[in-house]
PDB file of N, CA and C in Angstrom:
ATOM      1  N   MET A   1      22.347  -0.580 -18.069  1.00  0.00           N
ATOM      2  CA  MET A   1      21.851   0.248 -16.986  1.00  0.00           C
ATOM      3  C   MET A   1      21.520   1.658 -17.474  1.00  0.00           C
ATOM      4  N   ASN A   2      22.427   2.263 -18.255  1.00  0.00           N
ATOM      5  CA  ASN A   2      22.198   3.617 -18.766  1.00  0.00           C
ATOM      6  C   ASN A   2      20.992   3.677 -19.683  1.00  0.00           C
ATOM      7  N   ASP A   3      20.771   2.592 -20.450  1.00  0.00           N
ATOM      8  CA  ASP A   3      19.613   2.548 -21.335  1.00  0.00           C
ATOM      9  C   ASP A   3      18.314   2.530 -20.536  1.00  0.00           C
ATOM     10  N   LYS A   4      18.307   1.838 -19.416  1.00  0.00           N
ATOM     11  CA  LYS A   4      17.112   1.791 -18.579  1.00  0.00           C
ATOM     12  C   LYS A   4      16.812   3.154 -17.977  1.00  0.00           C
ATOM     13  N   ILE A   5      17.838   3.856 -17.548  1.00  0.00           N
ATOM     14  CA  ILE A   5      17.653   5.196 -16.970  1.00  0.00           C
ATOM     15  C   ILE A   5      17.144   6.160 -18.045  1.00  0.00           C
ATOM     16  N   LEU A   6      17.728   6.083 -19.228  1.00  0.00           N
ATOM     17  CA  LEU A   6      17.281   6.931 -20.339  1.00  0.00           C
ATOM     18  C   LEU A   6      15.825   6.630 -20.683  1.00  0.00           C
ATOM     19  N   TYR A   7      15.482   5.355 -20.784  1.00  0.00           N
ATOM     20  CA  TYR A   7      14.114   4.946 -21.095  1.00  0.00           C
ATOM     21  C   TYR A   7      13.145   5.444 -20.020  1.00  0.00           C
ATOM     22  N   LEU A   8      13.508   5.293 -18.752  1.00  0.00           N
ATOM     23  CA  LEU A   8      12.674   5.759 -17.648  1.00  0.00           C
ATOM     24  C   LEU A   8      12.503   7.284 -17.691  1.00  0.00           C
ATOM     25  N   GLY A   9      13.553   7.990 -18.018  1.00  0.00           N
ATOM     26  CA  GLY A   9      13.492   9.452 -18.126  1.00  0.00           C
ATOM     27  C   GLY A   9      12.568   9.911 -19.238  1.00  0.00           C
ATOM     28  N   VAL A  10      12.632   9.245 -20.385  1.00  0.00           N
ATOM     29  CA  VAL A  10      11.772   9.596 -21.529  1.00  0.00           C
ATOM     30  C   VAL A  10      10.311   9.330 -21.185  1.00  0.00           C
ATOM     31  N   ILE A  11      10.035   8.182 -20.579  1.00  0.00           N
ATOM     32  CA  ILE A  11       8.655   7.838 -20.204  1.00  0.00           C
ATOM     33  C   ILE A  11       8.113   8.827 -19.187  1.00  0.00           C
ATOM     34  N   THR A  12       8.911   9.157 -18.187  1.00  0.00           N
ATOM     35  CA  THR A  12       8.487  10.109 -17.152  1.00  0.00           C
ATOM     36  C   THR A  12       8.209  11.482 -17.760  1.00  0.00           C
ATOM     37  N   SER A  13       9.061  11.936 -18.650  1.00  0.00           N
ATOM     38  CA  SER A  13       8.858  13.234 -19.311  1.00  0.00           C
ATOM     39  C   SER A  13       7.582  13.237 -20.140  1.00  0.00           C
ATOM     40  N   PHE A  14       7.360  12.167 -20.879  1.00  0.00           N
ATOM     41  CA  PHE A  14       6.172  12.057 -21.709  1.00  0.00           C
ATOM     42  C   PHE A  14       4.904  12.086 -20.858  1.00  0.00           C
ATOM     43  N   LEU A  15       4.895  11.311 -19.775  1.00  0.00           N
ATOM     44  CA  LEU A  15       3.728  11.298 -18.886  1.00  0.00           C
ATOM     45  C   LEU A  15       3.500  12.675 -18.247  1.00  0.00           C
ATOM     46  N   GLY A  16       4.557  13.349 -17.878  1.00  0.00           N
ATOM     47  CA  GLY A  16       4.438  14.694 -17.312  1.00  0.00           C
ATOM     48  C   GLY A  16       3.833  15.676 -18.302  1.00  0.00           C
ATOM     49  N   LEU A  17       4.274  15.616 -19.549  1.00  0.00           N
ATOM     50  CA  LEU A  17       3.718  16.494 -20.583  1.00  0.00           C
ATOM     51  C   LEU A  17       2.244  16.199 -20.831  1.00  0.00           C
ATOM     52  N   MET A  18       1.876  14.920 -20.821  1.00  0.00           N
ATOM     53  CA  MET A  18       0.467  14.570 -21.003  1.00  0.00           C
ATOM     54  C   MET A  18      -0.380  15.111 -19.849  1.00  0.00           C
ATOM     55  N   LEU A  19       0.120  15.003 -18.633  1.00  0.00           N
ATOM     56  CA  LEU A  19      -0.597  15.504 -17.465  1.00  0.00           C
ATOM     57  C   LEU A  19      -0.757  17.023 -17.535  1.00  0.00           C
ATOM     58  N   LEU A  20       0.286  17.733 -17.918  1.00  0.00           N
ATOM     59  CA  LEU A  20       0.200  19.186 -18.050  1.00  0.00           C
ATOM     60  C   LEU A  20      -0.790  19.599 -19.130  1.00  0.00           C
ATOM     61  N   THR A  21      -0.796  18.894 -20.241  1.00  0.00           N
ATOM     62  CA  THR A  21      -1.746  19.181 -21.320  1.00  0.00           C
ATOM     63  C   THR A  21      -3.175  18.975 -20.839  1.00  0.00           C
ATOM     64  N   TYR A  22      -3.430  17.882 -20.155  1.00  0.00           N
ATOM     65  CA  TYR A  22      -4.761  17.606 -19.622  1.00  0.00           C
ATOM     66  C   TYR A  22      -5.181  18.685 -18.629  1.00  0.00           C
ATOM     67  N   ALA A  23      -4.293  19.031 -17.722  1.00  0.00           N
ATOM     68  CA  ALA A  23      -4.617  20.017 -16.692  1.00  0.00           C
ATOM     69  C   ALA A  23      -4.895  21.383 -17.307  1.00  0.00           C
ATOM     70  N   SER A  24      -4.155  21.759 -18.326  1.00  0.00           N
ATOM     71  CA  SER A  24      -4.358  23.083 -18.929  1.00  0.00           C
ATOM     72  C   SER A  24      -5.702  23.188 -19.636  1.00  0.00           C
ATOM     73  N   HIS A  25      -6.257  22.073 -20.067  1.00  0.00           N
ATOM     74  CA  HIS A  25      -7.548  22.092 -20.754  1.00  0.00           C
ATOM     75  C   HIS A  25      -8.732  21.918 -19.811  1.00  0.00           C
ATOM     76  N   THR A  26      -8.511  21.422 -18.615  1.00  0.00           N
ATOM     77  CA  THR A  26      -9.626  21.148 -17.714  1.00  0.00           C
ATOM     78  C   THR A  26      -9.713  22.114 -16.545  1.00  0.00           C
ATOM     79  N   LEU A  27      -8.623  22.734 -16.162  1.00  0.00           N
ATOM     80  CA  LEU A  27      -8.659  23.653 -15.037  1.00  0.00           C
ATOM     81  C   LEU A  27      -9.117  25.028 -15.498  1.00  0.00           C
ATOM     82  N   GLU A  28     -10.025  25.616 -14.761  1.00  0.00           N
ATOM     83  CA  GLU A  28     -10.519  26.952 -15.073  1.00  0.00           C
ATOM     84  C   GLU A  28     -10.110  27.895 -13.956  1.00  0.00           C
ATOM     85  N   PRO A  29      -9.858  29.163 -14.308  1.00  0.00           N
ATOM     86  CA  PRO A  29      -9.599  30.130 -13.249  1.00  0.00           C
ATOM     87  C   PRO A  29     -10.862  30.335 -12.409  1.00  0.00           C
ATOM     88  N   GLU A  30     -10.689  30.775 -11.188  1.00  0.00           N
ATOM     89  CA  GLU A  30     -11.808  31.035 -10.289  1.00  0.00           C
ATOM     90  C   GLU A  30     -12.641  32.207 -10.800  1.00  0.00           C
ATOM     91  N   LEU A  31     -13.943  32.130 -10.645  1.00  0.00           N
ATOM     92  CA  LEU A  31     -14.848  33.200 -11.053  1.00  0.00           C
ATOM     93  C   LEU A  31     -14.593  34.432 -10.178  1.00  0.00           C
ATOM     94  N   ILE A  32     -14.345  35.578 -10.820  1.00  0.00           N
ATOM     95  CA  ILE A  32     -14.107  36.828 -10.085  1.00  0.00           C
ATOM     96  C   ILE A  32     -15.062  37.903 -10.580  1.00  0.00           C
ATOM     97  N   ASP A  33     -15.231  38.952  -9.772  1.00  0.00           N
ATOM     98  CA  ASP A  33     -16.045  40.101 -10.171  1.00  0.00           C
ATOM     99  C   ASP A  33     -15.342  40.873 -11.269  1.00  0.00           C
ATOM    100  N   ILE A  34     -16.118  41.438 -12.175  1.00  0.00           N
ATOM    101  CA  ILE A  34     -15.547  42.250 -13.251  1.00  0.00           C
ATOM    102  C   ILE A  34     -14.781  43.433 -12.663  1.00  0.00           C
ATOM    103  N   GLY A  35     -15.296  44.018 -11.599  1.00  0.00           N
ATOM    104  CA  GLY A  35     -14.630  45.156 -10.972  1.00  0.00           C
ATOM    105  C   GLY A  35     -13.247  44.833 -10.424  1.00  0.00           C
ATOM    106  N   ALA A  36     -12.965  43.560 -10.203  1.00  0.00           N
ATOM    107  CA  ALA A  36     -11.655  43.156  -9.686  1.00  0.00           C
ATOM    108  C   ALA A  36     -10.599  43.040 -10.782  1.00  0.00           C
ATOM    109  N   VAL A  37     -11.028  43.029 -12.040  1.00  0.00           N
ATOM    110  CA  VAL A  37     -10.082  42.889 -13.154  1.00  0.00           C
ATOM    111  C   VAL A  37      -9.355  44.219 -13.332  1.00  0.00           C
ATOM    112  N   ASN A  38      -8.040  44.165 -13.195  1.00  0.00           N
ATOM    113  CA  ASN A  38      -7.220  45.362 -13.374  1.00  0.00           C
ATOM    114  C   ASN A  38      -5.928  44.981 -14.091  1.00  0.00           C
ATOM    115  N   THR A  39      -4.984  45.901 -14.165  1.00  0.00           N
ATOM    116  CA  THR A  39      -3.766  45.665 -14.941  1.00  0.00           C
ATOM    117  C   THR A  39      -2.896  44.541 -14.393  1.00  0.00           C
ATOM    118  N   LYS A  40      -3.093  44.134 -13.144  1.00  0.00           N
ATOM    119  CA  LYS A  40      -2.303  43.008 -12.636  1.00  0.00           C
ATOM    120  C   LYS A  40      -2.701  41.701 -13.324  1.00  0.00           C
ATOM    121  N   TYR A  41      -3.840  41.701 -13.995  1.00  0.00           N
ATOM    122  CA  TYR A  41      -4.304  40.517 -14.725  1.00  0.00           C
ATOM    123  C   TYR A  41      -3.892  40.526 -16.203  1.00  0.00           C
ATOM    124  N   LEU A  42      -3.151  41.547 -16.649  1.00  0.00           N
ATOM    125  CA  LEU A  42      -2.759  41.617 -18.060  1.00  0.00           C
ATOM    126  C   LEU A  42      -2.056  40.334 -18.494  1.00  0.00           C
ATOM    127  N   GLU A  43      -2.495  39.809 -19.630  1.00  0.00           N
ATOM    128  CA  GLU A  43      -1.970  38.585 -20.239  1.00  0.00           C
ATOM    129  C   GLU A  43      -2.213  37.335 -19.385  1.00  0.00           C
ATOM    130  N   LYS A  44      -3.138  37.423 -18.440  1.00  0.00           N
ATOM    131  CA  LYS A  44      -3.514  36.266 -17.631  1.00  0.00           C
ATOM    132  C   LYS A  44      -4.964  35.900 -17.933  1.00  0.00           C
ATOM    133  N   ASN A  45      -5.312  34.656 -17.677  1.00  0.00           N
ATOM    134  CA  ASN A  45      -6.682  34.206 -17.875  1.00  0.00           C
ATOM    135  C   ASN A  45      -7.541  34.589 -16.683  1.00  0.00           C
ATOM    136  N   VAL A  46      -8.757  35.027 -16.976  1.00  0.00           N
ATOM    137  CA  VAL A  46      -9.742  35.335 -15.945  1.00  0.00           C
ATOM    138  C   VAL A  46     -11.046  34.629 -16.292  1.00  0.00           C
ATOM    139  N   HIS A  47     -11.882  34.481 -15.279  1.00  0.00           N
ATOM    140  CA  HIS A  47     -13.196  33.864 -15.435  1.00  0.00           C
ATOM    141  C   HIS A  47     -14.199  34.866 -14.863  1.00  0.00           C
ATOM    142  N   ILE A  48     -15.017  35.450 -15.724  1.00  0.00           N
ATOM    143  CA  ILE A  48     -15.968  36.477 -15.307  1.00  0.00           C
ATOM    144  C   ILE A  48     -17.361  36.129 -15.805  1.00  0.00           C
ATOM    145  N   GLN A  49     -18.344  36.808 -15.231  1.00  0.00           N
ATOM    146  CA  GLN A  49     -19.738  36.597 -15.632  1.00  0.00           C
ATOM    147  C   GLN A  49     -20.459  37.924 -15.535  1.00  0.00           C
ATOM    148  N   GLY A  50     -21.301  38.212 -16.517  1.00  0.00           N
ATOM    149  CA  GLY A  50     -22.079  39.436 -16.477  1.00  0.00           C
ATOM    150  C   GLY A  50     -23.121  39.473 -17.571  1.00  0.00           C
ATOM    151  N   ASP A  51     -23.916  40.533 -17.526  1.00  0.00           N
ATOM    152  CA  ASP A  51     -24.960  40.743 -18.527  1.00  0.00           C
ATOM    153  C   ASP A  51     -24.405  41.570 -19.682  1.00  0.00           C
ATOM    154  N   ILE A  52     -24.773  41.210 -20.894  1.00  0.00           N
ATOM    155  CA  ILE A  52     -24.385  41.996 -22.057  1.00  0.00           C
ATOM    156  C   ILE A  52     -25.148  43.321 -22.015  1.00  0.00           C
ATOM    157  N   THR A  53     -24.425  44.429 -22.081  1.00  0.00           N
ATOM    158  CA  THR A  53     -25.079  45.737 -22.132  1.00  0.00           C
ATOM    159  C   THR A  53     -24.956  46.377 -23.510  1.00  0.00           C
ATOM    160  N   THR A  54     -23.944  45.961 -24.274  1.00  0.00           N
ATOM    161  CA  THR A  54     -23.725  46.516 -25.614  1.00  0.00           C
ATOM    162  C   THR A  54     -23.175  45.430 -26.525  1.00  0.00           C
ATOM    163  N   VAL A  55     -23.653  45.419 -27.773  1.00  0.00           N
ATOM    164  CA  VAL A  55     -23.125  44.519 -28.804  1.00  0.00           C
ATOM    165  C   VAL A  55     -22.742  45.383 -29.991  1.00  0.00           C
ATOM    166  N   GLN A  56     -21.480  45.284 -30.413  1.00  0.00           N
ATOM    167  CA  GLN A  56     -21.011  46.071 -31.549  1.00  0.00           C
ATOM    168  C   GLN A  56     -20.375  45.133 -32.570  1.00  0.00           C
ATOM    169  N   TYR A  57     -20.897  45.152 -33.804  1.00  0.00           N
ATOM    170  CA  TYR A  57     -20.376  44.316 -34.883  1.00  0.00           C
ATOM    171  C   TYR A  57     -19.414  45.135 -35.730  1.00  0.00           C
ATOM    172  N   PHE A  58     -18.322  44.511 -36.170  1.00  0.00           N
ATOM    173  CA  PHE A  58     -17.337  45.174 -37.023  1.00  0.00           C
ATOM    174  C   PHE A  58     -17.379  44.575 -38.424  1.00  0.00           C
ATOM    175  N   LYS A  59     -16.940  45.360 -39.399  1.00  0.00           N
ATOM    176  CA  LYS A  59     -16.981  44.931 -40.803  1.00  0.00           C
ATOM    177  C   LYS A  59     -16.234  43.626 -41.042  1.00  0.00           C
ATOM    178  N   GLY A  60     -15.139  43.408 -40.353  1.00  0.00           N
ATOM    179  CA  GLY A  60     -14.344  42.202 -40.545  1.00  0.00           C
ATOM    180  C   GLY A  60     -14.971  40.953 -39.969  1.00  0.00           C
ATOM    181  N   GLY A  61     -16.093  41.097 -39.234  1.00  0.00           N
ATOM    182  CA  GLY A  61     -16.769  39.944 -38.674  1.00  0.00           C
ATOM    183  C   GLY A  61     -16.554  39.760 -37.183  1.00  0.00           C
ATOM    184  N   SER A  62     -15.680  40.563 -36.584  1.00  0.00           N
ATOM    185  CA  SER A  62     -15.469  40.446 -35.143  1.00  0.00           C
ATOM    186  C   SER A  62     -16.591  41.173 -34.397  1.00  0.00           C
ATOM    187  N   VAL A  63     -16.700  40.882 -33.106  1.00  0.00           N
ATOM    188  CA  VAL A  63     -17.768  41.450 -32.286  1.00  0.00           C
ATOM    189  C   VAL A  63     -17.170  41.937 -30.963  1.00  0.00           C
ATOM    190  N   LEU A  64     -17.681  43.060 -30.484  1.00  0.00           N
ATOM    191  CA  LEU A  64     -17.287  43.581 -29.176  1.00  0.00           C
ATOM    192  C   LEU A  64     -18.525  43.592 -28.291  1.00  0.00           C
ATOM    193  N   LEU A  65     -18.426  42.922 -27.145  1.00  0.00           N
ATOM    194  CA  LEU A  65     -19.500  42.921 -26.158  1.00  0.00           C
ATOM    195  C   LEU A  65     -19.034  43.726 -24.952  1.00  0.00           C
ATOM    196  N   VAL A  66     -19.951  44.377 -24.286  1.00  0.00           N
ATOM    197  CA  VAL A  66     -19.657  44.992 -22.998  1.00  0.00           C
ATOM    198  C   VAL A  66     -20.452  44.219 -21.962  1.00  0.00           C
ATOM    199  N   LEU A  67     -19.735  43.689 -20.953  1.00  0.00           N
ATOM    200  CA  LEU A  67     -20.379  42.945 -19.875  1.00  0.00           C
ATOM    201  C   LEU A  67     -20.404  43.783 -18.612  1.00  0.00           C
ATOM    202  N   ASP A  68     -21.487  43.639 -17.849  1.00  0.00           N
ATOM    203  CA  ASP A  68     -21.668  44.352 -16.585  1.00  0.00           C
ATOM    204  C   ASP A  68     -22.128  43.357 -15.530  1.00  0.00           C
ATOM    205  N   ASP A  69     -21.535  43.451 -14.324  1.00  0.00           N
ATOM    206  CA  ASP A  69     -21.955  42.557 -13.237  1.00  0.00           C
ATOM    207  C   ASP A  69     -22.227  43.319 -11.937  1.00  0.00           C
ATOM    208  N   GLN A  70     -22.563  44.563 -11.995  1.00  0.00           N
ATOM    209  CA  GLN A  70     -22.838  45.431 -10.851  1.00  0.00           C
ATOM    210  C   GLN A  70     -21.564  45.910 -10.147  1.00  0.00           C
ATOM    211  N   THR A  71     -20.414  45.248 -10.375  1.00  0.00           N
ATOM    212  CA  THR A  71     -19.158  45.724  -9.785  1.00  0.00           C
ATOM    213  C   THR A  71     -18.341  46.492 -10.808  1.00  0.00           C
ATOM    214  N   GLY A  72     -18.713  46.387 -12.071  1.00  0.00           N
ATOM    215  CA  GLY A  72     -17.980  47.065 -13.129  1.00  0.00           C
ATOM    216  C   GLY A  72     -18.374  46.557 -14.497  1.00  0.00           C
ATOM    217  N   GLN A  73     -17.744  47.143 -15.498  1.00  0.00           N
ATOM    218  CA  GLN A  73     -17.971  46.750 -16.887  1.00  0.00           C
ATOM    219  C   GLN A  73     -16.633  46.439 -17.533  1.00  0.00           C
ATOM    220  N   ILE A  74     -16.671  45.553 -18.523  1.00  0.00           N
ATOM    221  CA  ILE A  74     -15.454  45.244 -19.276  1.00  0.00           C
ATOM    222  C   ILE A  74     -15.830  44.842 -20.691  1.00  0.00           C
ATOM    223  N   ASP A  75     -14.942  45.139 -21.624  1.00  0.00           N
ATOM    224  CA  ASP A  75     -15.140  44.758 -23.022  1.00  0.00           C
ATOM    225  C   ASP A  75     -14.731  43.309 -23.221  1.00  0.00           C
ATOM    226  N   ILE A  76     -15.500  42.603 -24.035  1.00  0.00           N
ATOM    227  CA  ILE A  76     -15.182  41.238 -24.442  1.00  0.00           C
ATOM    228  C   ILE A  76     -15.016  41.269 -25.954  1.00  0.00           C
ATOM    229  N   TYR A  77     -13.811  40.977 -26.423  1.00  0.00           N
ATOM    230  CA  TYR A  77     -13.541  41.003 -27.859  1.00  0.00           C
ATOM    231  C   TYR A  77     -13.614  39.586 -28.414  1.00  0.00           C
ATOM    232  N   LEU A  78     -14.492  39.400 -29.395  1.00  0.00           N
ATOM    233  CA  LEU A  78     -14.640  38.112 -30.069  1.00  0.00           C
ATOM    234  C   LEU A  78     -14.086  38.249 -31.480  1.00  0.00           C
ATOM    235  N   PRO A  79     -12.912  37.706 -31.758  1.00  0.00           N
ATOM    236  CA  PRO A  79     -12.375  37.782 -33.119  1.00  0.00           C
ATOM    237  C   PRO A  79     -13.301  37.071 -34.107  1.00  0.00           C
ATOM    238  N   ARG A  80     -13.141  37.371 -35.371  1.00  0.00           N
ATOM    239  CA  ARG A  80     -14.027  36.854 -36.423  1.00  0.00           C
ATOM    240  C   ARG A  80     -14.202  35.348 -36.339  1.00  0.00           C
ATOM    241  N   ASN A  81     -13.105  34.600 -36.209  1.00  0.00           N
ATOM    242  CA  ASN A  81     -13.215  33.133 -36.210  1.00  0.00           C
ATOM    243  C   ASN A  81     -14.049  32.628 -35.040  1.00  0.00           C
ATOM    244  N   LEU A  82     -14.016  33.316 -33.927  1.00  0.00           N
ATOM    245  CA  LEU A  82     -14.815  32.926 -32.765  1.00  0.00           C
ATOM    246  C   LEU A  82     -16.250  33.434 -32.898  1.00  0.00           C
ATOM    247  N   ALA A  83     -16.407  34.663 -33.359  1.00  0.00           N
ATOM    248  CA  ALA A  83     -17.742  35.253 -33.512  1.00  0.00           C
ATOM    249  C   ALA A  83     -18.590  34.471 -34.513  1.00  0.00           C
ATOM    250  N   GLU A  84     -17.953  33.912 -35.536  1.00  0.00           N
ATOM    251  CA  GLU A  84     -18.696  33.134 -36.539  1.00  0.00           C
ATOM    252  C   GLU A  84     -19.298  31.868 -35.948  1.00  0.00           C
ATOM    253  N   ASP A  85     -18.668  31.340 -34.893  1.00  0.00           N
ATOM    254  CA  ASP A  85     -19.145  30.095 -34.280  1.00  0.00           C
ATOM    255  C   ASP A  85     -20.284  30.317 -33.286  1.00  0.00           C
ATOM    256  N   ILE A  86     -20.565  31.563 -32.948  1.00  0.00           N
ATOM    257  CA  ILE A  86     -21.594  31.868 -31.954  1.00  0.00           C
ATOM    258  C   ILE A  86     -22.880  32.269 -32.651  1.00  0.00           C
ATOM    259  N   ASN A  87     -23.968  31.659 -32.256  1.00  0.00           N
ATOM    260  CA  ASN A  87     -25.277  31.977 -32.805  1.00  0.00           C
ATOM    261  C   ASN A  87     -25.641  33.419 -32.416  1.00  0.00           C
ATOM    262  N   LYS A  88     -25.938  34.244 -33.389  1.00  0.00           N
ATOM    263  CA  LYS A  88     -26.214  35.661 -33.153  1.00  0.00           C
ATOM    264  C   LYS A  88     -27.409  35.890 -32.220  1.00  0.00           C
ATOM    265  N   LYS A  89     -28.295  34.909 -32.098  1.00  0.00           N
ATOM    266  CA  LYS A  89     -29.459  35.087 -31.222  1.00  0.00           C
ATOM    267  C   LYS A  89     -29.041  35.227 -29.757  1.00  0.00           C
ATOM    268  N   TRP A  90     -27.835  34.755 -29.402  1.00  0.00           N
ATOM    269  CA  TRP A  90     -27.351  34.873 -28.030  1.00  0.00           C
ATOM    270  C   TRP A  90     -26.696  36.227 -27.764  1.00  0.00           C
ATOM    271  N   LEU A  91     -26.348  36.941 -28.816  1.00  0.00           N
ATOM    272  CA  LEU A  91     -25.648  38.216 -28.662  1.00  0.00           C
ATOM    273  C   LEU A  91     -26.646  39.365 -28.568  1.00  0.00           C
ATOM    274  N   VAL A  92     -27.373  39.404 -27.446  1.00  0.00           N
ATOM    275  CA  VAL A  92     -28.382  40.440 -27.236  1.00  0.00           C
ATOM    276  C   VAL A  92     -28.194  41.063 -25.853  1.00  0.00           C
ATOM    277  N   GLU A  93     -28.600  42.303 -25.738  1.00  0.00           N
ATOM    278  CA  GLU A  93     -28.517  42.995 -24.454  1.00  0.00           C
ATOM    279  C   GLU A  93     -29.344  42.262 -23.406  1.00  0.00           C
ATOM    280  N   GLY A  94     -28.790  42.148 -22.216  1.00  0.00           N
ATOM    281  CA  GLY A  94     -29.463  41.488 -21.123  1.00  0.00           C
ATOM    282  C   GLY A  94     -29.121  40.011 -20.973  1.00  0.00           C
ATOM    283  N   GLN A  95     -28.471  39.428 -21.990  1.00  0.00           N
ATOM    284  CA  GLN A  95     -28.088  38.013 -21.941  1.00  0.00           C
ATOM    285  C   GLN A  95     -26.955  37.826 -20.927  1.00  0.00           C
ATOM    286  N   LEU A  96     -27.111  36.865 -20.026  1.00  0.00           N
ATOM    287  CA  LEU A  96     -26.069  36.544 -19.051  1.00  0.00           C
ATOM    288  C   LEU A  96     -25.024  35.651 -19.718  1.00  0.00           C
ATOM    289  N   VAL A  97     -23.745  36.045 -19.581  1.00  0.00           N
ATOM    290  CA  VAL A  97     -22.651  35.345 -20.248  1.00  0.00           C
ATOM    291  C   VAL A  97     -21.524  35.086 -19.254  1.00  0.00           C
ATOM    292  N   GLU A  98     -20.927  33.917 -19.372  1.00  0.00           N
ATOM    293  CA  GLU A  98     -19.750  33.561 -18.598  1.00  0.00           C
ATOM    294  C   GLU A  98     -18.590  33.486 -19.589  1.00  0.00           C
ATOM    295  N   VAL A  99     -17.473  34.149 -19.266  1.00  0.00           N
ATOM    296  CA  VAL A  99     -16.351  34.220 -20.189  1.00  0.00           C
ATOM    297  C   VAL A  99     -15.056  33.832 -19.470  1.00  0.00           C
ATOM    298  N   ILE A 100     -14.278  33.004 -20.134  1.00  0.00           N
ATOM    299  CA  ILE A 100     -12.920  32.707 -19.697  1.00  0.00           C
ATOM    300  C   ILE A 100     -12.010  33.144 -20.831  1.00  0.00           C
ATOM    301  N   GLY A 101     -11.096  34.049 -20.534  1.00  0.00           N
ATOM    302  CA  GLY A 101     -10.214  34.545 -21.576  1.00  0.00           C
ATOM    303  C   GLY A 101      -9.050  35.323 -21.007  1.00  0.00           C
ATOM    304  N   THR A 102      -8.231  35.821 -21.911  1.00  0.00           N
ATOM    305  CA  THR A 102      -7.020  36.550 -21.556  1.00  0.00           C
ATOM    306  C   THR A 102      -7.300  38.041 -21.482  1.00  0.00           C
ATOM    307  N   VAL A 103      -6.815  38.683 -20.425  1.00  0.00           N
ATOM    308  CA  VAL A 103      -6.968  40.130 -20.260  1.00  0.00           C
ATOM    309  C   VAL A 103      -5.922  40.825 -21.119  1.00  0.00           C
ATOM    310  N   LYS A 104      -6.392  41.765 -21.927  1.00  0.00           N
ATOM    311  CA  LYS A 104      -5.510  42.526 -22.808  1.00  0.00           C
ATOM    312  C   LYS A 104      -5.817  44.005 -22.658  1.00  0.00           C
ATOM    313  N   LEU A 105      -4.898  44.822 -23.120  1.00  0.00           N
ATOM    314  CA  LEU A 105      -5.077  46.264 -23.111  1.00  0.00           C
ATOM    315  C   LEU A 105      -5.193  46.733 -24.550  1.00  0.00           C
ATOM    316  N   TYR A 106      -6.301  47.418 -24.880  1.00  0.00           N
ATOM    317  CA  TYR A 106      -6.518  47.913 -26.236  1.00  0.00           C
ATOM    318  C   TYR A 106      -6.954  49.366 -26.152  1.00  0.00           C
ATOM    319  N   LYS A 107      -6.146  50.236 -26.714  1.00  0.00           N
ATOM    320  CA  LYS A 107      -6.420  51.682 -26.705  1.00  0.00           C
ATOM    321  C   LYS A 107      -6.724  52.187 -25.298  1.00  0.00           C
ATOM    322  N   GLY A 108      -5.938  51.720 -24.331  1.00  0.00           N
ATOM    323  CA  GLY A 108      -6.069  52.189 -22.965  1.00  0.00           C
ATOM    324  C   GLY A 108      -7.187  51.559 -22.158  1.00  0.00           C
ATOM    325  N   ARG A 109      -7.913  50.616 -22.755  1.00  0.00           N
ATOM    326  CA  ARG A 109      -9.026  49.951 -22.052  1.00  0.00           C
ATOM    327  C   ARG A 109      -8.722  48.470 -21.893  1.00  0.00           C
ATOM    328  N   LEU A 110      -9.081  47.942 -20.742  1.00  0.00           N
ATOM    329  CA  LEU A 110      -8.939  46.507 -20.525  1.00  0.00           C
ATOM    330  C   LEU A 110     -10.045  45.774 -21.263  1.00  0.00           C
ATOM    331  N   GLU A 111      -9.691  44.636 -21.837  1.00  0.00           N
ATOM    332  CA  GLU A 111     -10.667  43.781 -22.477  1.00  0.00           C
ATOM    333  C   GLU A 111     -10.271  42.329 -22.245  1.00  0.00           C
ATOM    334  N   VAL A 112     -11.244  41.453 -22.394  1.00  0.00           N
ATOM    335  CA  VAL A 112     -11.000  40.021 -22.258  1.00  0.00           C
ATOM    336  C   VAL A 112     -11.249  39.386 -23.614  1.00  0.00           C
ATOM    337  N   GLU A 113     -10.293  38.550 -24.031  1.00  0.00           N
ATOM    338  CA  GLU A 113     -10.439  37.860 -25.310  1.00  0.00           C
ATOM    339  C   GLU A 113     -10.437  36.353 -25.070  1.00  0.00           C
ATOM    340  N   PRO A 114     -11.576  35.699 -25.271  1.00  0.00           N
ATOM    341  CA  PRO A 114     -11.617  34.242 -25.126  1.00  0.00           C
ATOM    342  C   PRO A 114     -10.713  33.592 -26.166  1.00  0.00           C
ATOM    343  N   GLU A 115     -10.104  32.478 -25.793  1.00  0.00           N
ATOM    344  CA  GLU A 115      -9.207  31.782 -26.710  1.00  0.00           C
ATOM    345  C   GLU A 115      -9.945  30.812 -27.625  1.00  0.00           C
ATOM    346  N   SER A 116     -11.138  30.391 -27.200  1.00  0.00           N
ATOM    347  CA  SER A 116     -11.888  29.437 -28.011  1.00  0.00           C
ATOM    348  C   SER A 116     -13.379  29.588 -27.725  1.00  0.00           C
ATOM    349  N   TYR A 117     -14.168  28.879 -28.492  1.00  0.00           N
ATOM    350  CA  TYR A 117     -15.616  28.875 -28.323  1.00  0.00           C
ATOM    351  C   TYR A 117     -15.996  28.394 -26.927  1.00  0.00           C
ATOM    352  N   ASP A 118     -15.209  27.475 -26.367  1.00  0.00           N
ATOM    353  CA  ASP A 118     -15.483  26.944 -25.024  1.00  0.00           C
ATOM    354  C   ASP A 118     -15.353  28.002 -23.935  1.00  0.00           C
ATOM    355  N   GLY A 119     -14.697  29.105 -24.246  1.00  0.00           N
ATOM    356  CA  GLY A 119     -14.505  30.176 -23.267  1.00  0.00           C
ATOM    357  C   GLY A 119     -15.695  31.105 -23.156  1.00  0.00           C
ATOM    358  N   VAL A 120     -16.757  30.863 -23.909  1.00  0.00           N
ATOM    359  CA  VAL A 120     -17.952  31.704 -23.880  1.00  0.00           C
ATOM    360  C   VAL A 120     -19.161  30.812 -23.639  1.00  0.00           C
ATOM    361  N   LYS A 121     -19.843  31.040 -22.506  1.00  0.00           N
ATOM    362  CA  LYS A 121     -21.028  30.233 -22.171  1.00  0.00           C
ATOM    363  C   LYS A 121     -22.208  31.159 -21.914  1.00  0.00           C
ATOM    364  N   PHE A 122     -23.292  30.896 -22.601  1.00  0.00           N
ATOM    365  CA  PHE A 122     -24.504  31.695 -22.420  1.00  0.00           C
ATOM    366  C   PHE A 122     -25.396  30.992 -21.409  1.00  0.00           C
ATOM    367  N   ILE A 123     -25.830  31.748 -20.411  1.00  0.00           N
ATOM    368  CA  ILE A 123     -26.602  31.172 -19.302  1.00  0.00           C
ATOM    369  C   ILE A 123     -28.055  31.583 -19.408  1.00  0.00           C
TER     370      ILE A 123
END
């Protein structure tokens, strides 16, 4: 009897972990205005959309974009490993971009850092 309960518990735990893994990869945060992003979103995922107004390349290969959606502006930091995967032809002023990433604070400014290539969509 105890072996059956243990076996059932292990199977249930495994299925729960698989479901959580699936949900974390398929669920996206709701699209919000850039102007709504504030410090209450620090270290949380956000889903924003805006036009690129500035593109800044760094020596290490990372890229900083500034997005604007009429409600505000925010920096989008693309680390080198992510920036290398993005075709540079998309990184131009006026390009509409959708970003899902984590809100961080850098030198007193809020920025969003996508976790993967899938977090950046050019429209």
